[in-house]
Amino acid sequence: MRSIKTAAMVAPALAVMLSLAACGGNDSPPTSTASAPNSASAPEPASAPPAVNQSQVFTAVRDTDSGLDGVPAEVSFAAGSTTGKLSINSADYATLTPDAANDGNMTVGGTPTLGVTLGVIPPQQPVLFPGIIQACEPDATGAPNPAAGNTPLKSKVVAIAGLPIKNVALLLGTSFPTYYENCLRDGLPTPQTQHSKLTVDGNAILSITDVRNSPNPVVIPPPASLLETQEAGNAGDWLIPFLYITADGTRHIAVVQHGTVAGGHDHNFVGVWLDQ
């Protein structure tokens, strides 16, 4: 998981209503004074590969969305550019500037005030694309963020380099020990000794601990935890998992959590659970 830098359930088959508030050498010179033949001249150094445009398809989930599948998004870098952009529905939304090491840790700016970049997918040199981007904007219903001078920020977008998961079996026996909301771990401005956690056991029993509310988990047994909720009465409260790939080729699941005022919350929100 990558750190914050400033300048910025379940799939339809799995979603559930929630009521949570949320080397160089040193060779000696030759001893002979004879000139080397032309055929022994040093080879030309290899040229660098030409710069090319790079892009990666993402899926974006916004706090104001009501559907379960997100909307099309893309991260792109023009040839030779060190600043990329995140577009949502073909409209530019955020700028992304990788650090010098190109390790997936990026400054997120543009419309959002701050963002977190989490995980990486296989590299397309010279840029490594982040697996997940959470972008936050000033909003009184958000949480004070120390990385933004304690300005209240709210996570408006979670963009993932992957697609929603439709296979229930992929979630069974999976734990998600990391939650980010408002570009903060656990959605809180201060570090916690106990962290929020989501688990789905082998029997499809779902448990969520939100440390903002209680140190004890809320347990949701099947079939409720595995019901499709794209129907009347869901009111925009759901969890939906996405599959993405890290640089070592390992598949990971991230679960986006979405809640609305209509669903019983005091504000609309979007957060993300990580399996690492």
Protein backbone atom coordinates (compact mmCIF):
# COMPACT_ATOMS: atom_id res chain seq x y z
CA MET A 1 0.00 0.00 0.00
CA ARG A 2 1.30 3.41 -0.97
CA SER A 3 1.42 6.53 1.09
CA ILE A 4 -0.40 9.82 0.77
CA LYS A 5 1.16 12.69 -1.11
CA THR A 6 -0.44 16.09 -1.17
CA ALA A 7 -1.18 18.57 -3.95
CA ALA A 8 -4.54 16.65 -4.07
CA MET A 9 -20.60 -5.91 -1.52
CA VAL A 10 -20.23 -6.85 -3.16
CA ALA A 11 -20.74 -7.07 -7.03
CA PRO A 12 -24.32 -7.21 -8.15
CA ALA A 13 -24.32 -10.83 -6.96
CA LEU A 14 -22.65 -9.88 -3.68
CA ALA A 15 -23.84 -6.40 -2.74
CA VAL A 16 -25.52 -5.75 0.59
CA MET A 17 -27.31 -2.95 2.31
CA LEU A 18 -25.34 -1.60 5.24
CA SER A 19 -26.30 0.65 8.08
CA LEU A 20 -22.80 1.69 9.08
CA ALA A 21 -22.02 5.34 9.54
CA ALA A 22 -20.03 4.22 7.31
CA CYS A 23 29.57 -0.38 -11.49
CA GLY A 24 32.00 1.09 -13.36
CA GLY A 25 35.71 -0.02 -13.76
CA ASN A 26 39.06 1.87 -13.63
CA ASP A 27 41.05 0.24 -16.49
CA SER A 28 44.71 1.26 -17.03
CA PRO A 29 45.55 2.98 -20.34
CA PRO A 30 46.99 0.69 -23.07
CA THR A 31 50.82 0.21 -23.00
CA SER A 32 51.12 0.14 -26.81
CA THR A 33 51.17 3.39 -28.74
CA ALA A 34 49.94 1.74 -31.94
CA SER A 35 46.62 2.96 -33.17
CA ALA A 36 43.74 0.52 -33.01
CA PRO A 37 42.35 -0.53 -36.37
CA ASN A 38 39.09 1.01 -37.42
CA SER A 39 37.35 -2.35 -37.07
CA ALA A 40 38.08 -2.31 -33.31
CA SER A 41 36.30 0.97 -32.68
CA ALA A 42 33.87 1.01 -29.75
CA PRO A 43 30.28 0.08 -30.57
CA GLU A 44 27.59 2.71 -30.61
CA PRO A 45 25.68 2.88 -27.33
CA ALA A 46 22.20 1.46 -27.41
CA SER A 47 19.58 4.11 -27.88
CA ALA A 48 16.69 4.49 -25.45
CA PRO A 49 13.33 3.20 -26.64
CA PRO A 50 11.14 5.91 -28.13
CA ALA A 51 8.61 7.55 -25.85
CA VAL A 52 5.04 6.43 -26.41
CA ASN A 53 1.63 7.35 -25.15
CA GLN A 54 0.52 5.13 -22.27
CA SER A 55 -2.90 4.49 -20.83
CA GLN A 56 -4.74 2.11 -18.54
CA VAL A 57 -8.47 1.53 -18.28
CA PHE A 58 -10.01 2.15 -14.86
CA THR A 59 -13.46 1.94 -13.32
CA ALA A 60 -14.52 4.91 -11.22
CA VAL A 61 -17.08 4.88 -8.43
CA ARG A 62 -18.26 8.29 -7.24
CA ASP A 63 -20.02 9.24 -4.05
CA THR A 64 -23.02 10.47 -6.03
CA ASP A 65 -23.43 7.34 -8.17
CA SER A 66 -26.43 5.10 -7.64
CA GLY A 67 -25.48 2.14 -9.86
CA LEU A 68 -23.35 -0.81 -8.81
CA ASP A 69 -20.87 -1.07 -11.70
CA GLY A 70 -19.15 2.32 -11.66
CA VAL A 71 -18.38 4.38 -14.75
CA PRO A 72 -15.60 4.22 -17.39
CA ALA A 73 -12.36 5.96 -16.46
CA GLU A 74 -8.80 6.10 -17.79
CA VAL A 75 -5.34 7.07 -16.60
CA SER A 76 -3.12 8.29 -19.43
CA PHE A 77 0.38 9.73 -19.91
CA ALA A 78 1.37 11.49 -23.13
CA ALA A 79 4.68 10.45 -24.68
CA GLY A 80 7.56 11.80 -22.61
CA SER A 81 5.25 13.48 -20.10
CA THR A 82 5.84 13.17 -16.35
CA THR A 83 2.29 14.25 -15.55
CA GLY A 84 -0.68 12.09 -16.38
CA LYS A 85 -4.39 12.55 -16.06
CA LEU A 86 -7.35 10.67 -14.73
CA SER A 87 -10.45 11.11 -16.86
CA ILE A 88 -13.94 9.98 -15.90
CA ASN A 89 -16.50 9.50 -18.65
CA SER A 90 -13.91 11.08 -21.00
CA ALA A 91 -13.78 14.29 -18.92
CA ASP A 92 -10.48 15.27 -17.25
CA TYR A 93 -10.75 15.06 -13.47
CA ALA A 94 -7.33 14.77 -11.81
CA THR A 95 -3.61 15.10 -12.58
CA LEU A 96 -1.14 12.40 -11.50
CA THR A 97 2.59 12.97 -11.04
CA PRO A 98 4.69 9.89 -10.20
CA ASP A 99 7.62 10.27 -7.83
CA ALA A 100 11.20 9.94 -9.09
CA ALA A 101 11.26 6.18 -8.36
CA ASN A 102 8.11 5.51 -10.38
CA ASP A 103 6.85 3.19 -7.68
CA GLY A 104 3.18 3.97 -8.00
CA ASN A 105 3.21 6.67 -5.32
CA MET A 106 1.79 9.77 -6.94
CA THR A 107 0.83 13.32 -6.26
CA VAL A 108 -2.86 13.72 -7.06
CA GLY A 109 -4.08 17.20 -8.01
CA GLY A 110 -6.37 19.07 -10.35
CA THR A 111 -9.98 19.07 -9.18
CA PRO A 112 -9.27 17.04 -6.03
CA THR A 113 -7.18 18.64 -3.31
CA LEU A 114 -5.53 15.39 -2.25
CA GLY A 115 -5.45 11.72 -3.11
CA VAL A 116 -4.09 8.34 -2.15
CA THR A 117 -2.62 5.89 -4.66
CA LEU A 118 -2.68 2.27 -3.55
CA GLY A 119 -1.05 -0.74 -5.16
CA VAL A 120 0.45 -0.95 -8.67
CA ILE A 121 -0.25 -3.01 -11.78
CA PRO A 122 2.37 -4.43 -14.20
CA PRO A 123 4.54 -1.54 -15.41
CA GLN A 124 4.43 0.15 -18.75
CA GLN A 125 7.70 2.05 -18.69
CA PRO A 126 8.51 4.70 -17.76
CA VAL A 127 5.31 4.93 -15.71
CA LEU A 128 3.85 2.51 -13.20
CA PHE A 129 0.13 2.97 -12.92
CA PRO A 130 -1.52 2.85 -9.53
CA GLY A 131 -3.97 0.03 -8.94
CA ILE A 132 -6.31 2.25 -6.93
CA ILE A 133 -6.80 6.01 -6.71
CA GLN A 134 -8.93 7.68 -4.08
CA ALA A 135 -9.45 11.38 -4.78
CA CYS A 136 -10.73 13.83 -2.16
CA GLU A 137 -12.17 17.33 -2.33
CA PRO A 138 -12.97 19.94 0.33
CA ASP A 139 -16.32 19.20 1.92
CA ALA A 140 -17.70 20.03 5.34
CA THR A 141 -19.09 16.49 5.66
CA GLY A 142 -15.59 15.02 5.30
CA ALA A 143 -12.92 14.54 7.95
CA PRO A 144 -10.10 17.00 8.82
CA ASN A 145 -7.01 15.80 6.96
CA PRO A 146 -3.57 16.66 8.44
CA ALA A 147 -1.99 16.34 4.97
CA ALA A 148 -4.20 19.22 3.81
CA GLY A 149 -3.79 21.55 6.79
CA ASN A 150 -6.70 19.84 8.56
CA THR A 151 -9.15 20.97 5.90
CA PRO A 152 -12.19 18.67 5.93
CA LEU A 153 -11.90 16.47 2.85
CA LYS A 154 -14.36 13.98 1.46
CA SER A 155 -13.56 11.07 -0.86
CA LYS A 156 -15.49 11.78 -4.04
CA VAL A 157 -13.98 9.11 -6.31
CA VAL A 158 -12.47 5.65 -5.98
CA ALA A 159 -10.93 4.53 -9.31
CA ILE A 160 -9.67 0.95 -9.70
CA ALA A 161 -7.66 -0.60 -12.56
CA GLY A 162 -10.08 -3.48 -12.82
CA LEU A 163 -13.69 -4.55 -13.11
CA PRO A 164 -16.39 -5.67 -10.70
CA ILE A 165 -16.26 -9.32 -9.66
CA LYS A 166 -19.27 -11.46 -10.50
CA ASN A 167 -18.03 -14.73 -8.97
CA VAL A 168 -19.17 -15.22 -5.39
CA ALA A 169 -16.54 -17.89 -4.67
CA LEU A 170 -13.69 -15.40 -5.08
CA LEU A 171 -14.77 -13.60 -1.92
CA LEU A 172 -15.21 -16.57 0.41
CA GLY A 173 -12.52 -16.78 3.09
CA THR A 174 -11.18 -13.32 2.25
CA SER A 175 -10.17 -10.62 4.73
CA PHE A 176 -9.88 -6.90 4.10
CA PRO A 177 -7.84 -5.36 6.97
CA THR A 178 -7.42 -1.86 5.48
CA TYR A 179 -10.09 0.75 4.90
CA TYR A 180 -9.64 4.21 3.34
CA GLU A 181 -12.27 6.92 3.35
CA ASN A 182 -11.71 10.66 2.90
CA CYS A 183 -8.08 9.79 1.97
CA LEU A 184 -7.48 8.60 5.53
CA ARG A 185 -6.84 5.16 6.98
CA ASP A 186 -10.01 4.16 8.82
CA GLY A 187 -11.52 7.47 7.71
CA LEU A 188 -10.02 9.14 10.79
CA PRO A 189 -7.42 11.95 11.03
CA THR A 190 -5.48 10.26 13.86
CA PRO A 191 -3.73 6.85 13.70
CA GLN A 192 -5.65 4.07 15.39
CA THR A 193 -4.37 1.17 17.50
CA GLN A 194 -7.20 -0.99 16.17
CA HIS A 195 -8.19 -0.77 12.52
CA SER A 196 -11.42 -1.32 10.69
CA LYS A 197 -11.78 -4.73 9.07
CA LEU A 198 -14.09 -6.61 6.73
CA THR A 199 -14.18 -10.40 6.40
CA VAL A 200 -16.18 -12.94 4.43
CA ASP A 201 -15.79 -16.47 5.82
CA GLY A 202 -16.17 -19.77 3.99
CA ASN A 203 -19.87 -19.82 4.75
CA ALA A 204 -20.46 -16.38 3.24
CA ILE A 205 -20.94 -14.75 6.64
CA LEU A 206 -19.86 -11.16 6.33
CA SER A 207 -18.44 -9.20 9.28
CA ILE A 208 -17.53 -5.51 9.33
CA THR A 209 -15.75 -3.64 12.11
CA ASP A 210 -15.86 0.14 11.73
CA VAL A 211 -13.70 1.56 14.53
CA ARG A 212 -15.45 4.91 14.18
CA ASN A 213 -18.55 3.30 15.63
CA SER A 214 -17.50 0.32 17.72
CA PRO A 215 -14.60 -2.10 18.30
CA ASN A 216 -17.06 -4.94 17.72
CA PRO A 217 -17.99 -6.29 14.29
CA VAL A 218 -21.40 -6.10 12.69
CA VAL A 219 -22.18 -9.61 11.45
CA ILE A 220 -24.37 -10.12 8.39
CA PRO A 221 -25.19 -13.79 7.73
CA PRO A 222 -26.24 -15.21 4.36
CA PRO A 223 -28.33 -14.92 2.35
CA ALA A 224 -28.60 -11.22 3.11
CA SER A 225 -24.85 -10.66 2.62
CA LEU A 226 -25.01 -12.17 -0.87
CA LEU A 227 -28.23 -10.68 -2.15
CA GLU A 228 -28.26 -8.52 -5.25
CA THR A 229 -29.38 -5.08 -4.20
CA GLN A 230 -29.89 -3.24 -7.47
CA GLU A 231 -33.54 -3.00 -6.67
CA ALA A 232 -36.04 -0.70 -5.01
CA GLY A 233 -35.18 0.04 -1.39
CA ASN A 234 -31.43 -0.34 -1.65
CA ALA A 235 -31.03 3.45 -1.59
CA GLY A 236 -27.43 3.39 -2.82
CA ASP A 237 -25.99 1.38 0.11
CA TRP A 238 -23.76 -1.38 -1.16
CA LEU A 239 -20.38 -3.11 -1.23
CA ILE A 240 -18.87 -4.23 -4.52
CA PRO A 241 -15.53 -6.04 -5.08
CA PHE A 242 -13.12 -5.28 -7.92
CA LEU A 243 -10.23 -7.40 -9.18
CA TYR A 244 -6.87 -5.75 -9.97
CA ILE A 245 -3.25 -6.93 -10.43
CA THR A 246 -0.05 -5.84 -8.66
CA ALA A 247 3.42 -5.55 -10.22
CA ASP A 248 4.37 -9.13 -9.27
CA GLY A 249 1.34 -10.45 -11.17
CA THR A 250 -0.66 -11.23 -8.04
CA ARG A 251 -4.40 -10.75 -8.23
CA HIS A 252 -5.97 -8.64 -5.52
CA ILE A 253 -9.51 -7.75 -4.57
CA ALA A 254 -10.58 -4.32 -3.41
CA VAL A 255 -14.08 -3.74 -2.09
CA VAL A 256 -15.69 -0.37 -2.69
CA GLN A 257 -18.18 0.69 -0.04
CA HIS A 258 -20.85 3.20 -0.98
CA GLY A 259 -23.42 4.86 1.21
CA THR A 260 -26.02 7.56 0.83
CA VAL A 261 -28.18 9.84 2.91
CA ALA A 262 -31.18 8.00 1.49
CA GLY A 263 -29.70 4.80 2.86
CA GLY A 264 -29.61 6.17 6.39
CA HIS A 265 -26.22 7.89 6.50
CA ASP A 266 -25.61 11.51 7.40
CA HIS A 267 -23.80 12.10 4.08
CA ASN A 268 -23.06 10.39 0.77
CA PHE A 269 -19.68 8.65 0.79
CA VAL A 270 -17.42 6.21 -1.04
CA GLY A 271 -14.59 4.22 0.60
CA VAL A 272 -12.38 1.25 -0.27
CA TRP A 273 -11.39 -1.92 1.57
CA LEU A 274 -8.01 -3.52 0.71
CA ASP A 275 -6.96 -7.14 1.11
CA GLN A 276 -3.46 -6.11 2.24
